[in-house]
Amino acid sequence: MAATKPGPAMSSGPAGGRLRGWRLAGLVLMLLLGVFPVLTSILDLAADARTGLPSAHAGTFTALAGTSWPHAQAVAPGLARYITLLERGYALHELTFALLFVVIVAVPFRRGQRWAW
């Protein structure tokens, strides 16, 4: 059985400890950055269930449609349901990729697998 030369991620000594610290800091930072889109997409889904449109999108809707969201819901309920369906789909799409990012960071990146970098 041949001895293998430790790579940078496996090196021992003070330099290895520093590298491990930077790697740990990078892992924590990327996990925190990954949690943000997860939370925002969950909040968007909650707003879609509550009012049909996230409050952050109401101003854009008013500017583009020329009417407020509550007025559009009253005048054209079918269109409002369709917009809510699209918003829900966008939020689920964002949630899917945010969770994929968190899983890739939490498992293979933490293990040091090169493809996850």
N, C-alpha and C. Protein backbone atom coordinates (compact mmCIF):
# COMPACT_ATOMS: atom_id res chain seq x y z
N MET A 1 0.85 -1.17 0.00
CA MET A 1 0.00 0.00 0.00
C MET A 1 0.89 1.23 0.00
N ALA A 2 0.77 2.04 -1.01
CA ALA A 2 1.61 3.22 -1.15
C ALA A 2 1.03 4.38 -0.36
N ALA A 3 1.92 5.15 0.23
CA ALA A 3 1.48 6.33 0.97
C ALA A 3 1.12 7.43 -0.03
N THR A 4 0.05 8.11 0.25
CA THR A 4 -0.35 9.20 -0.64
C THR A 4 0.10 10.52 -0.05
N LYS A 5 0.48 11.41 -0.91
CA LYS A 5 0.89 12.75 -0.49
C LYS A 5 -0.37 13.57 -0.21
N PRO A 6 -0.47 14.16 0.98
CA PRO A 6 -1.68 14.93 1.28
C PRO A 6 -1.80 16.15 0.38
N GLY A 7 -3.01 16.39 -0.09
CA GLY A 7 -3.28 17.57 -0.91
C GLY A 7 -3.50 18.78 -0.02
N PRO A 8 -3.77 19.93 -0.60
CA PRO A 8 -3.96 21.14 0.21
C PRO A 8 -5.09 21.03 1.21
N ALA A 9 -6.15 20.32 0.86
CA ALA A 9 -7.28 20.22 1.79
C ALA A 9 -6.98 19.27 2.93
N MET A 10 -5.99 18.35 2.74
CA MET A 10 -5.69 17.36 3.76
C MET A 10 -4.36 17.63 4.45
N SER A 11 -3.67 18.71 4.13
CA SER A 11 -2.34 18.94 4.69
C SER A 11 -2.44 19.19 6.19
N SER A 12 -1.37 18.84 6.86
CA SER A 12 -1.35 19.01 8.30
C SER A 12 -0.45 20.18 8.65
N GLY A 13 -0.44 20.56 9.89
CA GLY A 13 0.41 21.65 10.33
C GLY A 13 -0.32 22.97 10.30
N PRO A 14 0.42 24.07 10.57
CA PRO A 14 -0.22 25.37 10.67
C PRO A 14 -0.88 25.82 9.37
N ALA A 15 -0.23 25.53 8.22
CA ALA A 15 -0.82 25.96 6.95
C ALA A 15 -2.12 25.22 6.71
N GLY A 16 -2.16 23.93 7.04
CA GLY A 16 -3.39 23.15 6.87
C GLY A 16 -4.50 23.66 7.76
N GLY A 17 -4.15 24.07 8.98
CA GLY A 17 -5.16 24.61 9.89
C GLY A 17 -5.76 25.90 9.36
N ARG A 18 -4.92 26.77 8.79
CA ARG A 18 -5.42 28.01 8.20
C ARG A 18 -6.31 27.73 7.01
N LEU A 19 -5.89 26.79 6.17
CA LEU A 19 -6.69 26.44 5.01
C LEU A 19 -8.04 25.88 5.45
N ARG A 20 -8.01 25.05 6.47
CA ARG A 20 -9.25 24.49 6.97
C ARG A 20 -10.14 25.60 7.50
N GLY A 21 -9.56 26.60 8.16
CA GLY A 21 -10.34 27.72 8.68
C GLY A 21 -10.98 28.52 7.56
N TRP A 22 -10.21 28.80 6.50
CA TRP A 22 -10.77 29.53 5.36
C TRP A 22 -11.83 28.70 4.66
N ARG A 23 -11.58 27.40 4.56
CA ARG A 23 -12.56 26.52 3.92
C ARG A 23 -13.85 26.49 4.73
N LEU A 24 -13.72 26.43 6.05
CA LEU A 24 -14.90 26.44 6.92
C LEU A 24 -15.63 27.78 6.80
N ALA A 25 -14.88 28.87 6.77
CA ALA A 25 -15.51 30.19 6.63
C ALA A 25 -16.25 30.29 5.29
N GLY A 26 -15.64 29.77 4.22
CA GLY A 26 -16.30 29.77 2.91
C GLY A 26 -17.56 28.93 2.92
N LEU A 27 -17.49 27.78 3.58
CA LEU A 27 -18.66 26.90 3.67
C LEU A 27 -19.80 27.59 4.41
N VAL A 28 -19.48 28.21 5.54
CA VAL A 28 -20.52 28.89 6.32
C VAL A 28 -21.10 30.05 5.53
N LEU A 29 -20.25 30.83 4.87
CA LEU A 29 -20.73 31.96 4.09
C LEU A 29 -21.63 31.49 2.95
N MET A 30 -21.23 30.44 2.25
CA MET A 30 -22.07 29.96 1.14
C MET A 30 -23.38 29.37 1.64
N LEU A 31 -23.36 28.71 2.80
CA LEU A 31 -24.62 28.21 3.36
C LEU A 31 -25.55 29.37 3.74
N LEU A 32 -24.98 30.42 4.32
CA LEU A 32 -25.80 31.59 4.66
C LEU A 32 -26.36 32.25 3.40
N LEU A 33 -25.53 32.34 2.36
CA LEU A 33 -26.02 32.90 1.10
C LEU A 33 -27.07 32.01 0.46
N GLY A 34 -26.98 30.71 0.67
CA GLY A 34 -27.96 29.78 0.12
C GLY A 34 -29.28 29.80 0.86
N VAL A 35 -29.24 30.14 2.13
CA VAL A 35 -30.47 30.17 2.92
C VAL A 35 -31.35 31.37 2.53
N PHE A 36 -30.73 32.46 2.11
CA PHE A 36 -31.50 33.67 1.75
C PHE A 36 -32.53 33.40 0.65
N PRO A 37 -32.16 32.79 -0.50
CA PRO A 37 -33.19 32.52 -1.51
C PRO A 37 -34.24 31.50 -1.05
N VAL A 38 -33.84 30.59 -0.16
CA VAL A 38 -34.83 29.64 0.38
C VAL A 38 -35.89 30.42 1.16
N LEU A 39 -35.44 31.31 2.03
CA LEU A 39 -36.39 32.08 2.84
C LEU A 39 -37.25 33.01 1.99
N THR A 40 -36.65 33.69 1.02
CA THR A 40 -37.44 34.61 0.21
C THR A 40 -38.47 33.88 -0.63
N SER A 41 -38.13 32.70 -1.14
CA SER A 41 -39.12 31.97 -1.93
C SER A 41 -40.25 31.44 -1.04
N ILE A 42 -39.93 31.04 0.18
CA ILE A 42 -40.99 30.61 1.11
C ILE A 42 -41.89 31.79 1.46
N LEU A 43 -41.30 32.96 1.67
CA LEU A 43 -42.11 34.15 1.96
C LEU A 43 -42.97 34.54 0.76
N ASP A 44 -42.44 34.39 -0.45
CA ASP A 44 -43.24 34.66 -1.65
C ASP A 44 -44.42 33.69 -1.75
N LEU A 45 -44.18 32.41 -1.45
CA LEU A 45 -45.27 31.43 -1.47
C LEU A 45 -46.33 31.77 -0.44
N ALA A 46 -45.90 32.22 0.74
CA ALA A 46 -46.87 32.61 1.78
C ALA A 46 -47.67 33.83 1.32
N ALA A 47 -47.01 34.80 0.69
CA ALA A 47 -47.72 35.99 0.20
C ALA A 47 -48.68 35.62 -0.93
N ASP A 48 -48.27 34.69 -1.79
CA ASP A 48 -49.16 34.23 -2.86
C ASP A 48 -50.41 33.59 -2.29
N ALA A 49 -50.24 32.82 -1.22
CA ALA A 49 -51.40 32.17 -0.60
C ALA A 49 -52.29 33.19 0.11
N ARG A 50 -51.68 34.23 0.65
CA ARG A 50 -52.44 35.22 1.42
C ARG A 50 -53.16 36.22 0.52
N THR A 51 -52.42 36.88 -0.36
CA THR A 51 -53.01 37.96 -1.16
C THR A 51 -52.98 37.72 -2.65
N GLY A 52 -52.25 36.71 -3.09
CA GLY A 52 -52.17 36.43 -4.52
C GLY A 52 -50.96 37.04 -5.19
N LEU A 53 -50.29 37.97 -4.52
CA LEU A 53 -49.12 38.64 -5.10
C LEU A 53 -48.23 39.12 -3.97
N PRO A 54 -46.91 38.82 -4.03
CA PRO A 54 -46.02 39.35 -2.99
C PRO A 54 -46.05 40.88 -2.98
N SER A 55 -45.97 41.45 -1.80
CA SER A 55 -46.06 42.91 -1.67
C SER A 55 -44.94 43.62 -2.42
N ALA A 56 -43.80 42.99 -2.56
CA ALA A 56 -42.69 43.60 -3.29
C ALA A 56 -42.99 43.72 -4.78
N HIS A 57 -43.94 42.95 -5.28
CA HIS A 57 -44.28 42.97 -6.70
C HIS A 57 -45.48 43.88 -7.01
N ALA A 58 -46.12 44.37 -5.97
CA ALA A 58 -47.34 45.17 -6.19
C ALA A 58 -47.04 46.46 -6.94
N GLY A 59 -45.95 47.13 -6.62
CA GLY A 59 -45.61 48.36 -7.31
C GLY A 59 -45.31 48.12 -8.79
N THR A 60 -44.59 47.06 -9.08
CA THR A 60 -44.30 46.73 -10.47
C THR A 60 -45.58 46.37 -11.22
N PHE A 61 -46.45 45.63 -10.55
CA PHE A 61 -47.73 45.28 -11.19
C PHE A 61 -48.52 46.54 -11.52
N THR A 62 -48.59 47.45 -10.58
CA THR A 62 -49.34 48.70 -10.80
C THR A 62 -48.72 49.50 -11.95
N ALA A 63 -47.39 49.56 -11.99
CA ALA A 63 -46.73 50.33 -13.06
C ALA A 63 -46.96 49.69 -14.42
N LEU A 64 -46.95 48.38 -14.50
CA LEU A 64 -47.12 47.70 -15.78
C LEU A 64 -48.57 47.60 -16.21
N ALA A 65 -49.46 47.30 -15.26
CA ALA A 65 -50.86 47.07 -15.60
C ALA A 65 -51.69 48.37 -15.59
N GLY A 66 -51.21 49.39 -14.91
CA GLY A 66 -51.96 50.63 -14.84
C GLY A 66 -53.10 50.59 -13.83
N THR A 67 -53.12 49.57 -13.01
CA THR A 67 -54.16 49.43 -11.99
C THR A 67 -53.55 48.71 -10.79
N SER A 68 -54.20 48.86 -9.65
CA SER A 68 -53.66 48.19 -8.45
C SER A 68 -54.03 46.71 -8.47
N TRP A 69 -53.33 45.93 -7.66
CA TRP A 69 -53.59 44.50 -7.58
C TRP A 69 -55.00 44.19 -7.05
N PRO A 70 -55.46 44.83 -5.97
CA PRO A 70 -56.82 44.55 -5.51
C PRO A 70 -57.89 44.89 -6.56
N HIS A 71 -57.67 45.97 -7.30
CA HIS A 71 -58.62 46.34 -8.35
C HIS A 71 -58.61 45.29 -9.47
N ALA A 72 -57.43 44.82 -9.84
CA ALA A 72 -57.35 43.78 -10.87
C ALA A 72 -58.01 42.49 -10.41
N GLN A 73 -57.88 42.16 -9.14
CA GLN A 73 -58.55 40.96 -8.62
C GLN A 73 -60.07 41.09 -8.71
N ALA A 74 -60.57 42.29 -8.45
CA ALA A 74 -62.02 42.49 -8.49
C ALA A 74 -62.56 42.53 -9.91
N VAL A 75 -61.82 43.17 -10.82
CA VAL A 75 -62.29 43.36 -12.19
C VAL A 75 -62.07 42.12 -13.06
N ALA A 76 -60.91 41.50 -12.91
CA ALA A 76 -60.57 40.34 -13.75
C ALA A 76 -60.04 39.21 -12.88
N PRO A 77 -60.93 38.48 -12.19
CA PRO A 77 -60.46 37.43 -11.27
C PRO A 77 -59.71 36.29 -11.98
N GLY A 78 -60.10 35.98 -13.21
CA GLY A 78 -59.40 34.92 -13.94
C GLY A 78 -57.96 35.29 -14.22
N LEU A 79 -57.75 36.53 -14.64
CA LEU A 79 -56.39 37.02 -14.90
C LEU A 79 -55.59 37.06 -13.60
N ALA A 80 -56.22 37.48 -12.52
CA ALA A 80 -55.53 37.54 -11.23
C ALA A 80 -55.13 36.14 -10.76
N ARG A 81 -55.99 35.15 -10.97
CA ARG A 81 -55.65 33.77 -10.61
C ARG A 81 -54.47 33.27 -11.44
N TYR A 82 -54.45 33.63 -12.72
CA TYR A 82 -53.36 33.23 -13.60
C TYR A 82 -52.04 33.86 -13.16
N ILE A 83 -52.07 35.13 -12.81
CA ILE A 83 -50.86 35.80 -12.33
C ILE A 83 -50.39 35.18 -11.02
N THR A 84 -51.31 34.85 -10.15
CA THR A 84 -50.95 34.18 -8.90
C THR A 84 -50.33 32.81 -9.18
N LEU A 85 -50.88 32.09 -10.15
CA LEU A 85 -50.31 30.80 -10.53
C LEU A 85 -48.88 30.96 -11.05
N LEU A 86 -48.66 31.97 -11.87
CA LEU A 86 -47.30 32.24 -12.36
C LEU A 86 -46.36 32.60 -11.21
N GLU A 87 -46.82 33.44 -10.31
CA GLU A 87 -46.00 33.82 -9.16
C GLU A 87 -45.64 32.60 -8.31
N ARG A 88 -46.61 31.72 -8.11
CA ARG A 88 -46.37 30.50 -7.34
C ARG A 88 -45.34 29.61 -8.06
N GLY A 89 -45.47 29.51 -9.38
CA GLY A 89 -44.51 28.73 -10.15
C GLY A 89 -43.11 29.29 -10.08
N TYR A 90 -42.98 30.62 -10.15
CA TYR A 90 -41.67 31.25 -10.04
C TYR A 90 -41.06 31.01 -8.66
N ALA A 91 -41.88 31.11 -7.62
CA ALA A 91 -41.39 30.89 -6.26
C ALA A 91 -40.94 29.45 -6.07
N LEU A 92 -41.71 28.49 -6.61
CA LEU A 92 -41.32 27.08 -6.50
C LEU A 92 -40.04 26.80 -7.29
N HIS A 93 -39.89 27.44 -8.44
CA HIS A 93 -38.67 27.30 -9.24
C HIS A 93 -37.47 27.82 -8.45
N GLU A 94 -37.62 28.99 -7.85
CA GLU A 94 -36.54 29.56 -7.05
C GLU A 94 -36.22 28.68 -5.84
N LEU A 95 -37.25 28.16 -5.20
CA LEU A 95 -37.04 27.30 -4.04
C LEU A 95 -36.31 26.02 -4.43
N THR A 96 -36.66 25.44 -5.56
CA THR A 96 -36.00 24.21 -6.01
C THR A 96 -34.50 24.43 -6.19
N PHE A 97 -34.13 25.48 -6.90
CA PHE A 97 -32.71 25.72 -7.15
C PHE A 97 -31.98 26.19 -5.91
N ALA A 98 -32.65 26.90 -5.02
CA ALA A 98 -32.02 27.31 -3.77
C ALA A 98 -31.73 26.09 -2.90
N LEU A 99 -32.68 25.16 -2.82
CA LEU A 99 -32.45 23.94 -2.05
C LEU A 99 -31.35 23.08 -2.68
N LEU A 100 -31.32 23.02 -4.00
CA LEU A 100 -30.25 22.28 -4.68
C LEU A 100 -28.89 22.89 -4.34
N PHE A 101 -28.79 24.21 -4.35
CA PHE A 101 -27.55 24.89 -3.99
C PHE A 101 -27.13 24.54 -2.56
N VAL A 102 -28.07 24.61 -1.62
CA VAL A 102 -27.76 24.33 -0.22
C VAL A 102 -27.30 22.88 -0.06
N VAL A 103 -27.95 21.96 -0.74
CA VAL A 103 -27.56 20.54 -0.63
C VAL A 103 -26.17 20.32 -1.22
N ILE A 104 -25.87 20.95 -2.35
CA ILE A 104 -24.55 20.80 -2.96
C ILE A 104 -23.48 21.39 -2.05
N VAL A 105 -23.76 22.52 -1.43
CA VAL A 105 -22.79 23.12 -0.52
C VAL A 105 -22.65 22.28 0.74
N ALA A 106 -23.76 21.79 1.27
CA ALA A 106 -23.73 21.08 2.55
C ALA A 106 -23.11 19.69 2.45
N VAL A 107 -23.19 19.03 1.30
CA VAL A 107 -22.69 17.66 1.23
C VAL A 107 -21.40 17.57 0.42
N PRO A 108 -21.42 17.65 -0.93
CA PRO A 108 -20.17 17.42 -1.65
C PRO A 108 -19.13 18.53 -1.48
N PHE A 109 -19.54 19.77 -1.37
CA PHE A 109 -18.56 20.85 -1.18
C PHE A 109 -17.87 20.69 0.17
N ARG A 110 -18.64 20.36 1.20
CA ARG A 110 -18.07 20.16 2.53
C ARG A 110 -17.09 19.01 2.55
N ARG A 111 -17.36 17.97 1.75
CA ARG A 111 -16.46 16.83 1.66
C ARG A 111 -15.22 17.12 0.83
N GLY A 112 -15.22 18.24 0.12
CA GLY A 112 -14.06 18.61 -0.67
C GLY A 112 -14.06 18.02 -2.07
N GLN A 113 -15.19 17.59 -2.55
CA GLN A 113 -15.25 17.03 -3.90
C GLN A 113 -15.10 18.16 -4.90
N ARG A 114 -14.17 17.97 -5.84
CA ARG A 114 -13.81 19.04 -6.77
C ARG A 114 -14.98 19.50 -7.65
N TRP A 115 -15.86 18.61 -8.07
CA TRP A 115 -16.94 19.01 -8.97
C TRP A 115 -17.90 20.00 -8.32
N ALA A 116 -17.94 20.04 -7.00
CA ALA A 116 -18.85 20.93 -6.30
C ALA A 116 -18.29 22.35 -6.17
N TRP A 117 -17.06 22.56 -6.56
CA TRP A 117 -16.45 23.89 -6.45
C TRP A 117 -16.96 24.73 -7.57
